[in-house]
Amino acid sequence: MFSKEQSKEIRQQFWIFFDKRYPRKWLLYNTAIKDVSLKFDFDTKKAIVAIDSTSNDEIYRTYYFDKFLSLKNILKEEVSSDLKFEEHYLLPSGKLISRCYLQLDGVSIHNKNTWPQVFDFFNTNMDKIEQFFVEYKDYISS
């Protein structure tokens, strides 16, 4: 078991090492579409790469999620057939979002032995998601 401070330090180390291994500027929050972001998430049980629709307004959140659903076959072909689509995804903070994501189970941010697997998972899949997003951004935002 790690203290809050130890856990925070481990998380910082992970992201520093990831940035050194893959030194590039990821799109993430800079999608130019309000309430749509690309996300990395890594905790003590799983790693996730996602496209999130985060509006507090259910109409806007659903609107973008429906856009992603309309592109589902393309997303699965270009990113991964394992991509999951959840219109109602509850974050640990209690916020409700819509999410299209890939999940890697059996890894932990506290276990440095799993970091290389997560580095590769993040780099490979976020790159595909970014390429998809750039290609279909005009459709998604219209």
N, C-alpha and C. Protein backbone atom coordinates (compact mmCIF):
# COMPACT_ATOMS: atom_id res chain seq x y z
N MET A 1 0.84 -1.18 0.00
CA MET A 1 0.00 0.00 0.00
C MET A 1 0.88 1.24 0.00
N PHE A 2 0.50 2.19 -0.80
CA PHE A 2 1.26 3.43 -0.91
C PHE A 2 0.49 4.58 -0.28
N SER A 3 1.24 5.51 0.30
CA SER A 3 0.61 6.73 0.82
C SER A 3 0.18 7.58 -0.37
N LYS A 4 -0.66 8.57 -0.11
CA LYS A 4 -1.09 9.48 -1.16
C LYS A 4 0.10 10.14 -1.84
N GLU A 5 1.05 10.56 -1.02
CA GLU A 5 2.23 11.24 -1.54
C GLU A 5 3.08 10.29 -2.40
N GLN A 6 3.27 9.06 -1.94
CA GLN A 6 4.03 8.09 -2.72
C GLN A 6 3.34 7.78 -4.04
N SER A 7 2.02 7.63 -3.98
CA SER A 7 1.25 7.35 -5.19
C SER A 7 1.36 8.51 -6.17
N LYS A 8 1.29 9.73 -5.68
CA LYS A 8 1.42 10.91 -6.53
C LYS A 8 2.80 10.93 -7.20
N GLU A 9 3.83 10.62 -6.44
CA GLU A 9 5.19 10.61 -6.98
C GLU A 9 5.35 9.54 -8.06
N ILE A 10 4.78 8.37 -7.84
CA ILE A 10 4.84 7.29 -8.83
C ILE A 10 4.13 7.71 -10.11
N ARG A 11 2.96 8.34 -9.97
CA ARG A 11 2.22 8.81 -11.14
C ARG A 11 3.04 9.84 -11.93
N GLN A 12 3.67 10.75 -11.21
CA GLN A 12 4.51 11.75 -11.88
C GLN A 12 5.66 11.08 -12.62
N GLN A 13 6.29 10.10 -11.99
CA GLN A 13 7.39 9.38 -12.63
C GLN A 13 6.91 8.69 -13.91
N PHE A 14 5.75 8.05 -13.84
CA PHE A 14 5.23 7.38 -15.03
C PHE A 14 5.12 8.35 -16.20
N TRP A 15 4.46 9.50 -15.96
CA TRP A 15 4.22 10.43 -17.05
C TRP A 15 5.51 11.08 -17.54
N ILE A 16 6.47 11.29 -16.66
CA ILE A 16 7.78 11.81 -17.08
C ILE A 16 8.48 10.78 -17.97
N PHE A 17 8.48 9.52 -17.56
CA PHE A 17 9.12 8.47 -18.37
C PHE A 17 8.39 8.28 -19.70
N PHE A 18 7.07 8.34 -19.68
CA PHE A 18 6.30 8.21 -20.92
C PHE A 18 6.67 9.34 -21.88
N ASP A 19 6.73 10.55 -21.36
CA ASP A 19 7.06 11.71 -22.20
C ASP A 19 8.48 11.59 -22.77
N LYS A 20 9.41 11.05 -21.99
CA LYS A 20 10.77 10.87 -22.49
C LYS A 20 10.84 9.79 -23.55
N ARG A 21 10.04 8.75 -23.38
CA ARG A 21 10.05 7.65 -24.35
C ARG A 21 9.34 8.03 -25.64
N TYR A 22 8.28 8.82 -25.54
CA TYR A 22 7.49 9.26 -26.70
C TYR A 22 7.36 10.78 -26.66
N PRO A 23 8.44 11.48 -26.98
CA PRO A 23 8.43 12.94 -26.88
C PRO A 23 7.70 13.61 -28.05
N ARG A 24 6.42 13.73 -27.92
CA ARG A 24 5.63 14.42 -28.93
C ARG A 24 4.48 15.14 -28.25
N LYS A 25 3.90 16.06 -28.95
CA LYS A 25 2.75 16.78 -28.41
C LYS A 25 1.48 16.03 -28.83
N TRP A 26 0.80 15.47 -27.83
CA TRP A 26 -0.44 14.74 -28.09
C TRP A 26 -1.59 15.73 -28.20
N LEU A 27 -2.59 15.40 -28.98
CA LEU A 27 -3.74 16.27 -29.21
C LEU A 27 -4.54 16.46 -27.92
N LEU A 28 -4.94 15.40 -27.26
CA LEU A 28 -5.65 15.37 -25.99
C LEU A 28 -6.76 16.41 -25.87
N TYR A 29 -6.55 17.48 -25.10
CA TYR A 29 -7.61 18.46 -24.87
C TYR A 29 -7.69 19.50 -25.99
N ASN A 30 -6.72 19.54 -26.86
CA ASN A 30 -6.66 20.55 -27.92
C ASN A 30 -7.39 20.09 -29.18
N THR A 31 -8.60 19.59 -29.03
CA THR A 31 -9.35 19.08 -30.18
C THR A 31 -10.04 20.20 -30.96
N ALA A 32 -10.13 21.37 -30.38
CA ALA A 32 -10.85 22.50 -30.96
C ALA A 32 -12.36 22.26 -31.01
N ILE A 33 -12.83 21.24 -30.32
CA ILE A 33 -14.26 20.99 -30.17
C ILE A 33 -14.54 21.00 -28.67
N LYS A 34 -15.32 21.98 -28.27
CA LYS A 34 -15.64 22.10 -26.85
C LYS A 34 -16.30 20.81 -26.35
N ASP A 35 -15.86 20.34 -25.22
CA ASP A 35 -16.43 19.17 -24.55
C ASP A 35 -16.09 17.83 -25.24
N VAL A 36 -15.12 17.83 -26.14
CA VAL A 36 -14.62 16.59 -26.73
C VAL A 36 -13.12 16.56 -26.51
N SER A 37 -12.64 15.47 -25.91
CA SER A 37 -11.20 15.36 -25.65
C SER A 37 -10.74 13.93 -25.85
N LEU A 38 -9.45 13.80 -26.07
CA LEU A 38 -8.81 12.50 -26.16
C LEU A 38 -8.08 12.32 -24.84
N LYS A 39 -8.13 11.12 -24.27
CA LYS A 39 -7.61 10.93 -22.91
C LYS A 39 -6.74 9.69 -22.78
N PHE A 40 -5.73 9.83 -21.94
CA PHE A 40 -4.98 8.71 -21.40
C PHE A 40 -5.45 8.58 -19.95
N ASP A 41 -5.63 7.36 -19.48
CA ASP A 41 -5.94 7.16 -18.07
C ASP A 41 -5.24 5.89 -17.62
N PHE A 42 -4.60 5.95 -16.47
CA PHE A 42 -3.87 4.79 -15.94
C PHE A 42 -4.02 4.81 -14.43
N ASP A 43 -4.53 3.72 -13.88
CA ASP A 43 -4.68 3.63 -12.44
C ASP A 43 -4.09 2.31 -11.93
N THR A 44 -4.56 1.84 -10.83
CA THR A 44 -3.97 0.63 -10.24
C THR A 44 -4.55 -0.67 -10.79
N LYS A 45 -5.48 -0.58 -11.74
CA LYS A 45 -6.11 -1.78 -12.30
C LYS A 45 -6.12 -1.85 -13.81
N LYS A 46 -6.03 -0.68 -14.47
CA LYS A 46 -6.21 -0.66 -15.93
C LYS A 46 -5.61 0.59 -16.54
N ALA A 47 -5.42 0.52 -17.85
CA ALA A 47 -5.01 1.69 -18.64
C ALA A 47 -6.07 1.88 -19.71
N ILE A 48 -6.39 3.14 -20.00
CA ILE A 48 -7.44 3.46 -20.97
C ILE A 48 -6.94 4.56 -21.91
N VAL A 49 -7.29 4.38 -23.19
CA VAL A 49 -7.13 5.42 -24.21
C VAL A 49 -8.55 5.69 -24.70
N ALA A 50 -8.96 6.98 -24.74
CA ALA A 50 -10.37 7.26 -25.01
C ALA A 50 -10.60 8.55 -25.77
N ILE A 51 -11.77 8.58 -26.39
CA ILE A 51 -12.36 9.83 -26.90
C ILE A 51 -13.56 10.08 -26.00
N ASP A 52 -13.57 11.23 -25.36
CA ASP A 52 -14.63 11.54 -24.41
C ASP A 52 -15.49 12.71 -24.87
N SER A 53 -16.78 12.59 -24.63
CA SER A 53 -17.71 13.69 -24.77
C SER A 53 -18.11 14.05 -23.34
N THR A 54 -17.70 15.24 -22.89
CA THR A 54 -17.75 15.55 -21.46
C THR A 54 -18.74 16.64 -21.07
N SER A 55 -19.55 17.09 -21.98
CA SER A 55 -20.48 18.18 -21.67
C SER A 55 -21.39 17.81 -20.50
N ASN A 56 -21.65 18.79 -19.65
CA ASN A 56 -22.62 18.60 -18.58
C ASN A 56 -24.04 18.59 -19.13
N ASP A 57 -24.21 19.14 -20.33
CA ASP A 57 -25.49 19.16 -21.01
C ASP A 57 -25.67 17.84 -21.75
N GLU A 58 -26.65 17.05 -21.35
CA GLU A 58 -26.85 15.72 -21.93
C GLU A 58 -27.09 15.78 -23.44
N ILE A 59 -27.73 16.83 -23.91
CA ILE A 59 -28.00 16.95 -25.35
C ILE A 59 -26.70 17.05 -26.13
N TYR A 60 -25.78 17.89 -25.69
CA TYR A 60 -24.49 18.02 -26.38
C TYR A 60 -23.67 16.74 -26.24
N ARG A 61 -23.66 16.18 -25.06
CA ARG A 61 -22.89 14.95 -24.83
C ARG A 61 -23.39 13.84 -25.75
N THR A 62 -24.69 13.68 -25.83
CA THR A 62 -25.30 12.65 -26.68
C THR A 62 -25.07 12.96 -28.15
N TYR A 63 -25.11 14.23 -28.53
CA TYR A 63 -24.89 14.62 -29.92
C TYR A 63 -23.53 14.12 -30.40
N TYR A 64 -22.48 14.38 -29.62
CA TYR A 64 -21.15 13.93 -30.03
C TYR A 64 -21.02 12.41 -29.95
N PHE A 65 -21.62 11.81 -28.95
CA PHE A 65 -21.55 10.35 -28.86
C PHE A 65 -22.23 9.72 -30.07
N ASP A 66 -23.35 10.27 -30.51
CA ASP A 66 -24.03 9.76 -31.71
C ASP A 66 -23.15 9.91 -32.95
N LYS A 67 -22.37 10.97 -33.01
CA LYS A 67 -21.41 11.14 -34.13
C LYS A 67 -20.40 9.99 -34.11
N PHE A 68 -19.88 9.68 -32.92
CA PHE A 68 -18.92 8.58 -32.83
C PHE A 68 -19.57 7.24 -33.18
N LEU A 69 -20.82 7.06 -32.75
CA LEU A 69 -21.52 5.82 -33.10
C LEU A 69 -21.72 5.70 -34.61
N SER A 70 -21.98 6.82 -35.26
CA SER A 70 -22.17 6.78 -36.71
C SER A 70 -20.87 6.42 -37.44
N LEU A 71 -19.76 6.62 -36.77
CA LEU A 71 -18.44 6.28 -37.33
C LEU A 71 -17.88 4.98 -36.72
N LYS A 72 -18.73 4.25 -36.03
CA LYS A 72 -18.28 3.08 -35.26
C LYS A 72 -17.52 2.07 -36.12
N ASN A 73 -18.04 1.73 -37.28
CA ASN A 73 -17.36 0.74 -38.13
C ASN A 73 -15.99 1.23 -38.57
N ILE A 74 -15.89 2.48 -38.90
CA ILE A 74 -14.61 3.06 -39.31
C ILE A 74 -13.66 3.08 -38.12
N LEU A 75 -14.16 3.52 -36.97
CA LEU A 75 -13.33 3.54 -35.76
C LEU A 75 -12.79 2.15 -35.43
N LYS A 76 -13.65 1.15 -35.49
CA LYS A 76 -13.22 -0.21 -35.17
C LYS A 76 -12.21 -0.73 -36.20
N GLU A 77 -12.38 -0.32 -37.44
CA GLU A 77 -11.45 -0.75 -38.48
C GLU A 77 -10.10 -0.04 -38.37
N GLU A 78 -10.13 1.26 -38.11
CA GLU A 78 -8.90 2.05 -38.11
C GLU A 78 -8.18 2.07 -36.77
N VAL A 79 -8.92 1.88 -35.69
CA VAL A 79 -8.30 1.93 -34.36
C VAL A 79 -8.18 0.50 -33.81
N SER A 80 -9.32 -0.13 -33.51
CA SER A 80 -9.29 -1.49 -32.97
C SER A 80 -10.71 -2.06 -32.93
N SER A 81 -10.83 -3.33 -33.23
CA SER A 81 -12.14 -3.98 -33.15
C SER A 81 -12.57 -4.14 -31.69
N ASP A 82 -11.64 -3.94 -30.75
CA ASP A 82 -11.96 -4.05 -29.32
C ASP A 82 -12.49 -2.75 -28.72
N LEU A 83 -12.63 -1.72 -29.53
CA LEU A 83 -13.11 -0.43 -29.03
C LEU A 83 -14.49 -0.58 -28.41
N LYS A 84 -14.69 0.04 -27.25
CA LYS A 84 -15.96 -0.02 -26.53
C LYS A 84 -16.63 1.35 -26.61
N PHE A 85 -17.94 1.34 -26.65
CA PHE A 85 -18.73 2.57 -26.73
C PHE A 85 -19.71 2.59 -25.56
N GLU A 86 -19.58 3.61 -24.71
CA GLU A 86 -20.49 3.72 -23.56
C GLU A 86 -21.06 5.14 -23.52
N GLU A 87 -22.36 5.21 -23.73
CA GLU A 87 -23.03 6.52 -23.70
C GLU A 87 -23.05 7.09 -22.29
N HIS A 88 -23.16 6.23 -21.28
CA HIS A 88 -23.21 6.68 -19.89
C HIS A 88 -22.04 6.05 -19.13
N TYR A 89 -20.93 6.75 -19.08
CA TYR A 89 -19.72 6.27 -18.42
C TYR A 89 -19.49 7.16 -17.20
N LEU A 90 -19.49 6.55 -16.03
CA LEU A 90 -19.33 7.30 -14.79
C LEU A 90 -17.86 7.31 -14.38
N LEU A 91 -17.28 8.50 -14.32
CA LEU A 91 -15.90 8.66 -13.88
C LEU A 91 -15.80 8.49 -12.37
N PRO A 92 -14.63 8.15 -11.84
CA PRO A 92 -14.47 8.03 -10.38
C PRO A 92 -14.88 9.31 -9.63
N SER A 93 -14.77 10.45 -10.30
CA SER A 93 -15.16 11.72 -9.68
C SER A 93 -16.66 11.87 -9.54
N GLY A 94 -17.42 10.98 -10.21
CA GLY A 94 -18.88 11.07 -10.18
C GLY A 94 -19.46 11.76 -11.40
N LYS A 95 -18.61 12.29 -12.27
CA LYS A 95 -19.08 12.97 -13.48
C LYS A 95 -19.50 11.93 -14.51
N LEU A 96 -20.63 12.19 -15.17
CA LEU A 96 -21.14 11.34 -16.22
C LEU A 96 -20.67 11.87 -17.57
N ILE A 97 -20.04 11.00 -18.36
CA ILE A 97 -19.57 11.37 -19.69
C ILE A 97 -20.00 10.27 -20.66
N SER A 98 -19.74 10.49 -21.94
CA SER A 98 -19.86 9.44 -22.95
C SER A 98 -18.45 9.14 -23.42
N ARG A 99 -18.15 7.86 -23.64
CA ARG A 99 -16.76 7.48 -23.90
C ARG A 99 -16.68 6.36 -24.94
N CYS A 100 -15.74 6.52 -25.87
CA CYS A 100 -15.31 5.46 -26.77
C CYS A 100 -13.88 5.15 -26.34
N TYR A 101 -13.59 3.89 -26.02
CA TYR A 101 -12.30 3.63 -25.41
C TYR A 101 -11.78 2.21 -25.64
N LEU A 102 -10.49 2.10 -25.44
CA LEU A 102 -9.79 0.81 -25.37
C LEU A 102 -9.25 0.68 -23.97
N GLN A 103 -9.32 -0.51 -23.43
CA GLN A 103 -8.88 -0.73 -22.06
C GLN A 103 -7.89 -1.88 -22.01
N LEU A 104 -6.81 -1.67 -21.28
CA LEU A 104 -5.81 -2.70 -21.03
C LEU A 104 -5.91 -3.07 -19.56
N ASP A 105 -6.30 -4.30 -19.29
CA ASP A 105 -6.47 -4.77 -17.91
C ASP A 105 -5.20 -5.45 -17.41
N GLY A 106 -5.12 -5.63 -16.10
CA GLY A 106 -4.01 -6.37 -15.50
C GLY A 106 -2.72 -5.58 -15.40
N VAL A 107 -2.83 -4.26 -15.43
CA VAL A 107 -1.66 -3.40 -15.27
C VAL A 107 -1.93 -2.45 -14.11
N SER A 108 -0.86 -1.93 -13.53
CA SER A 108 -1.02 -1.01 -12.40
C SER A 108 0.05 0.07 -12.48
N ILE A 109 -0.37 1.29 -12.27
CA ILE A 109 0.59 2.39 -12.27
C ILE A 109 1.60 2.23 -11.13
N HIS A 110 1.24 1.48 -10.11
CA HIS A 110 2.15 1.24 -8.99
C HIS A 110 3.15 0.11 -9.26
N ASN A 111 2.94 -0.63 -10.34
CA ASN A 111 3.84 -1.73 -10.70
C ASN A 111 4.67 -1.31 -11.92
N LYS A 112 5.89 -0.89 -11.68
CA LYS A 112 6.75 -0.39 -12.76
C LYS A 112 7.06 -1.47 -13.80
N ASN A 113 6.88 -2.73 -13.45
CA ASN A 113 7.10 -3.80 -14.43
C ASN A 113 6.05 -3.79 -15.54
N THR A 114 4.88 -3.19 -15.29
CA THR A 114 3.83 -3.11 -16.32
C THR A 114 3.94 -1.84 -17.16
N TRP A 115 4.79 -0.92 -16.77
CA TRP A 115 4.88 0.34 -17.49
C TRP A 115 5.24 0.19 -18.97
N PRO A 116 6.22 -0.63 -19.35
CA PRO A 116 6.54 -0.74 -20.78
C PRO A 116 5.33 -1.20 -21.62
N GLN A 117 4.54 -2.10 -21.09
CA GLN A 117 3.34 -2.56 -21.78
C GLN A 117 2.35 -1.41 -21.96
N VAL A 118 2.21 -0.59 -20.94
CA VAL A 118 1.28 0.55 -21.00
C VAL A 118 1.83 1.63 -21.94
N PHE A 119 3.14 1.87 -21.90
CA PHE A 119 3.75 2.84 -22.82
C PHE A 119 3.38 2.46 -24.27
N ASP A 120 3.58 1.20 -24.62
CA ASP A 120 3.29 0.74 -25.98
C ASP A 120 1.80 0.83 -26.29
N PHE A 121 0.97 0.43 -25.33
CA PHE A 121 -0.48 0.51 -25.50
C PHE A 121 -0.92 1.95 -25.76
N PHE A 122 -0.44 2.87 -24.94
CA PHE A 122 -0.80 4.28 -25.11
C PHE A 122 -0.33 4.81 -26.45
N ASN A 123 0.93 4.62 -26.76
CA ASN A 123 1.50 5.19 -27.98
C ASN A 123 0.79 4.65 -29.22
N THR A 124 0.65 3.35 -29.31
CA THR A 124 0.03 2.74 -30.49
C THR A 124 -1.41 3.18 -30.67
N ASN A 125 -2.19 3.09 -29.60
CA ASN A 125 -3.62 3.35 -29.73
C ASN A 125 -3.98 4.83 -29.77
N MET A 126 -3.28 5.66 -29.01
CA MET A 126 -3.59 7.09 -29.08
C MET A 126 -3.20 7.65 -30.45
N ASP A 127 -2.12 7.15 -31.01
CA ASP A 127 -1.74 7.59 -32.34
C ASP A 127 -2.85 7.27 -33.35
N LYS A 128 -3.42 6.08 -33.28
CA LYS A 128 -4.52 5.71 -34.17
C LYS A 128 -5.76 6.57 -33.92
N ILE A 129 -6.07 6.81 -32.65
CA ILE A 129 -7.24 7.63 -32.33
C ILE A 129 -7.03 9.06 -32.82
N GLU A 130 -5.85 9.59 -32.64
CA GLU A 130 -5.57 10.94 -33.13
C GLU A 130 -5.70 11.01 -34.65
N GLN A 131 -5.15 10.05 -35.36
CA GLN A 131 -5.25 10.04 -36.82
C GLN A 131 -6.71 10.00 -37.26
N PHE A 132 -7.49 9.14 -36.62
CA PHE A 132 -8.92 9.08 -36.91
C PHE A 132 -9.58 10.43 -36.64
N PHE A 133 -9.29 10.99 -35.47
CA PHE A 133 -9.93 12.24 -35.09
C PHE A 133 -9.61 13.36 -36.07
N VAL A 134 -8.37 13.49 -36.46
CA VAL A 134 -7.96 14.54 -37.41
C VAL A 134 -8.69 14.35 -38.74
N GLU A 135 -8.78 13.11 -39.18
CA GLU A 135 -9.43 12.83 -40.46
C GLU A 135 -10.93 13.14 -40.44
N TYR A 136 -11.60 12.91 -39.32
CA TYR A 136 -13.05 13.07 -39.24
C TYR A 136 -13.50 14.25 -38.39
N LYS A 137 -12.58 15.10 -38.03
CA LYS A 137 -12.88 16.24 -37.15
C LYS A 137 -13.98 17.13 -37.72
N ASP A 138 -13.93 17.43 -39.00
CA ASP A 138 -14.95 18.31 -39.59
C ASP A 138 -16.34 17.69 -39.47
N TYR A 139 -16.44 16.41 -39.70
CA TYR A 139 -17.73 15.73 -39.56
C TYR A 139 -18.18 15.75 -38.09
N ILE A 140 -17.27 15.45 -37.20
CA ILE A 140 -17.62 15.39 -35.77
C ILE A 140 -18.10 16.75 -35.27
N SER A 141 -17.47 17.81 -35.73
CA SER A 141 -17.79 19.15 -35.23
C SER A 141 -18.98 19.78 -35.93
N SER A 142 -19.45 19.21 -37.02
CA SER A 142 -20.56 19.84 -37.77
C SER A 142 -21.91 19.51 -37.19
